[in-house]
Amino acid sequence: MRMLLTAAALGLTLSAAALAARKPAPEIAVATLRTPDGKEVGRATAREVKQGLRLTVDVRGLGEGEHGAHVHTVGQCDAPDFASAGGHWNPLGTKHGSMNPAGPHEGDLPNLLIGKDGHGTLGAVIPKGTLAGLLDADGAALVVHASRDDLMTDPSGNSGGRIACGVFAKE
């Protein structure tokens, strides 16, 4: 009898381990970044983490230097200027920039640093951000700007024109 109970307990333990191993992968949203002429230059990925929404950006083939990068409110990237992406994701109505005492927008990110080889990466967490907020009825886009974001000046940190854009979609 004792051996039967031990075997049953072992079976329950193995079943629990099997269920834990089948835990679904976290949901992510991905945006393929393209230039106004349609050339693919990178990818942005968003996933929920304990601290909020984790964004990673990986680009190749853009000009060297610092570039503003922001989440924009509309999931559209119509060339040539990507104005269809709207303004920065800003559900709380704050001012632009992490250096602004009345900021930042939820869509404000640190500058994207691109090396001489045209490659750059960026990782940031948007506190309290969610995939549901990012993928609302009109969606959202990741936009890379031509110049450095000063992290303070409303509405976009004097970061210049929009040189790459990608619409977030669940993957």
Protein backbone atom coordinates (compact mmCIF):
# COMPACT_ATOMS: atom_id res chain seq x y z
CA MET A 1 0.00 0.00 0.00
CA ARG A 2 2.81 2.38 0.92
CA MET A 3 4.50 1.67 -2.42
CA LEU A 4 1.23 2.41 -4.23
CA LEU A 5 0.86 5.77 -2.45
CA THR A 6 4.47 6.67 -3.26
CA ALA A 7 3.91 5.80 -6.91
CA ALA A 8 0.73 7.90 -6.95
CA ALA A 9 2.54 10.84 -5.33
CA LEU A 10 5.36 10.51 -7.83
CA GLY A 11 2.82 10.52 -10.67
CA LEU A 12 1.21 13.73 -9.36
CA THR A 13 4.63 15.36 -9.04
CA LEU A 14 5.54 14.40 -12.60
CA SER A 15 2.16 15.65 -13.87
CA ALA A 16 2.67 19.02 -12.15
CA ALA A 17 6.17 19.26 -13.64
CA ALA A 18 4.80 18.43 -17.10
CA LEU A 19 2.14 21.16 -16.76
CA ALA A 20 4.74 23.69 -15.63
CA ALA A 21 6.92 22.81 -18.62
CA ARG A 22 3.95 23.56 -20.92
CA LYS A 23 3.58 27.10 -19.61
CA PRO A 24 2.78 29.29 -22.63
CA ALA A 25 5.48 31.58 -23.93
CA PRO A 26 4.97 35.25 -23.05
CA GLU A 27 3.07 37.27 -25.63
CA ILE A 28 5.11 39.73 -27.63
CA ALA A 29 4.45 42.41 -30.20
CA VAL A 30 6.89 43.04 -33.03
CA ALA A 31 7.35 45.95 -35.43
CA THR A 32 9.44 45.60 -38.60
CA LEU A 33 11.16 48.95 -39.14
CA ARG A 34 11.34 50.32 -42.67
CA THR A 35 12.66 53.49 -44.28
CA PRO A 36 10.37 55.70 -46.43
CA ASP A 37 11.47 53.75 -49.54
CA GLY A 38 10.39 50.46 -47.91
CA LYS A 39 13.86 49.11 -47.07
CA GLU A 40 13.79 46.92 -43.95
CA VAL A 41 16.25 48.30 -41.40
CA GLY A 42 15.36 46.62 -38.13
CA ARG A 43 12.92 45.30 -35.62
CA ALA A 44 11.35 46.46 -32.37
CA THR A 45 9.98 43.97 -29.86
CA ALA A 46 7.68 44.64 -26.91
CA ARG A 47 6.85 42.24 -24.09
CA GLU A 48 5.27 42.63 -20.70
CA VAL A 49 7.57 42.24 -17.72
CA LYS A 50 7.00 42.75 -14.02
CA GLN A 51 8.16 46.41 -14.26
CA GLY A 52 6.01 47.31 -17.28
CA LEU A 53 6.55 46.96 -21.02
CA ARG A 54 10.06 45.98 -22.15
CA LEU A 55 11.04 47.37 -25.56
CA THR A 56 14.07 46.32 -27.53
CA VAL A 57 15.10 47.88 -30.82
CA ASP A 58 17.72 46.49 -33.20
CA VAL A 59 18.56 48.41 -36.40
CA ARG A 60 21.05 48.13 -39.25
CA GLY A 61 21.75 50.45 -42.14
CA LEU A 62 20.90 53.81 -40.57
CA GLY A 63 23.22 56.78 -40.20
CA GLU A 64 25.82 56.90 -37.45
CA GLY A 65 25.03 58.84 -34.28
CA GLU A 66 22.23 59.32 -31.81
CA HIS A 67 18.63 59.13 -32.98
CA GLY A 68 15.40 59.78 -31.14
CA ALA A 69 13.21 56.69 -30.89
CA HIS A 70 9.63 56.79 -29.70
CA VAL A 71 6.45 54.75 -29.51
CA HIS A 72 3.79 56.63 -31.49
CA THR A 73 0.03 56.47 -30.95
CA VAL A 74 -1.19 55.10 -34.28
CA GLY A 75 -0.28 51.83 -35.93
CA GLN A 76 0.35 53.30 -39.38
CA CYS A 77 3.58 54.05 -41.20
CA ASP A 78 2.67 55.80 -44.45
CA ALA A 79 5.66 57.06 -46.40
CA PRO A 80 7.27 59.39 -47.06
CA ASP A 81 7.15 61.15 -43.66
CA PHE A 82 5.38 58.60 -41.40
CA ALA A 83 3.13 61.38 -40.07
CA SER A 84 0.31 58.81 -40.06
CA ALA A 85 1.90 57.32 -36.90
CA GLY A 86 0.60 60.34 -34.98
CA GLY A 87 2.28 61.80 -31.91
CA HIS A 88 4.02 60.05 -29.06
CA TRP A 89 2.15 57.47 -27.00
CA ASN A 90 1.01 59.72 -24.15
CA PRO A 91 -2.13 58.44 -22.40
CA LEU A 92 -1.40 60.48 -19.25
CA GLY A 93 -1.04 63.81 -21.09
CA THR A 94 2.47 64.56 -19.81
CA LYS A 95 5.23 66.62 -21.45
CA HIS A 96 8.02 65.15 -23.57
CA GLY A 97 11.24 63.79 -22.18
CA SER A 98 12.78 62.06 -19.21
CA MET A 99 14.66 65.28 -18.36
CA ASN A 100 11.44 67.32 -18.34
CA PRO A 101 9.99 67.75 -14.81
CA ALA A 102 6.48 67.39 -16.31
CA GLY A 103 7.42 64.33 -18.40
CA PRO A 104 7.91 61.86 -19.85
CA HIS A 105 5.41 60.55 -22.39
CA GLU A 106 4.92 56.79 -22.12
CA GLY A 107 6.35 56.51 -25.62
CA ASP A 108 9.56 58.38 -24.83
CA LEU A 109 12.64 56.18 -25.05
CA PRO A 110 16.35 56.82 -24.61
CA ASN A 111 18.29 57.76 -27.72
CA LEU A 112 19.22 54.99 -30.12
CA LEU A 113 23.00 55.01 -30.64
CA ILE A 114 24.06 53.81 -34.08
CA GLY A 115 27.71 52.95 -34.72
CA LYS A 116 29.89 53.55 -37.76
CA ASP A 117 28.75 50.18 -39.10
CA GLY A 118 25.12 51.38 -39.14
CA HIS A 119 24.09 49.01 -36.33
CA GLY A 120 22.40 50.08 -33.11
CA THR A 121 20.39 48.59 -30.28
CA LEU A 122 18.21 50.00 -27.56
CA GLY A 123 16.51 48.46 -24.56
CA ALA A 124 14.10 50.24 -22.23
CA VAL A 125 11.16 49.58 -19.92
CA ILE A 126 8.01 51.68 -20.03
CA PRO A 127 6.73 51.56 -16.44
CA LYS A 128 3.08 50.49 -16.24
CA GLY A 129 2.97 49.96 -20.03
CA THR A 130 0.99 46.97 -21.30
CA LEU A 131 0.59 45.11 -24.57
CA ALA A 132 -3.15 45.82 -24.39
CA GLY A 133 -2.39 49.57 -24.28
CA LEU A 134 0.14 49.26 -27.10
CA LEU A 135 -2.20 47.19 -29.27
CA ASP A 136 -5.40 49.17 -28.68
CA ALA A 137 -7.97 49.84 -31.41
CA ASP A 138 -5.68 52.07 -33.51
CA GLY A 139 -2.44 50.26 -32.64
CA ALA A 140 0.99 51.83 -32.21
CA ALA A 141 4.23 52.27 -34.11
CA LEU A 142 7.91 52.57 -33.29
CA VAL A 143 9.49 55.57 -35.02
CA VAL A 144 13.19 56.38 -35.37
CA HIS A 145 14.01 60.05 -35.93
CA ALA A 146 16.84 61.66 -37.90
CA SER A 147 18.51 63.42 -34.96
CA ARG A 148 19.27 63.10 -31.29
CA ASP A 149 16.39 63.61 -28.84
CA ASP A 150 17.25 66.28 -26.25
CA LEU A 151 14.96 64.38 -23.81
CA MET A 152 13.22 67.60 -22.78
CA THR A 153 11.66 69.73 -25.51
CA ASP A 154 7.97 69.18 -26.28
CA PRO A 155 6.67 67.51 -28.38
CA SER A 156 9.54 65.33 -29.67
CA GLY A 157 12.84 66.54 -28.23
CA ASN A 158 13.92 68.36 -31.41
CA SER A 159 14.72 64.94 -32.86
CA GLY A 160 13.96 65.86 -36.46
CA GLY A 161 12.20 64.00 -39.23
CA ARG A 162 11.02 60.41 -39.08
CA ILE A 163 13.44 58.13 -40.90
CA ALA A 164 12.15 54.64 -40.01
CA CYS A 165 8.84 53.28 -38.81
CA GLY A 166 7.23 49.97 -37.94
CA VAL A 167 3.73 48.97 -36.80
CA PHE A 168 3.44 46.73 -33.73
CA ALA A 169 1.53 43.46 -34.18
CA LYS A 170 1.23 40.40 -31.96
CA GLU A 171 3.62 37.68 -32.94
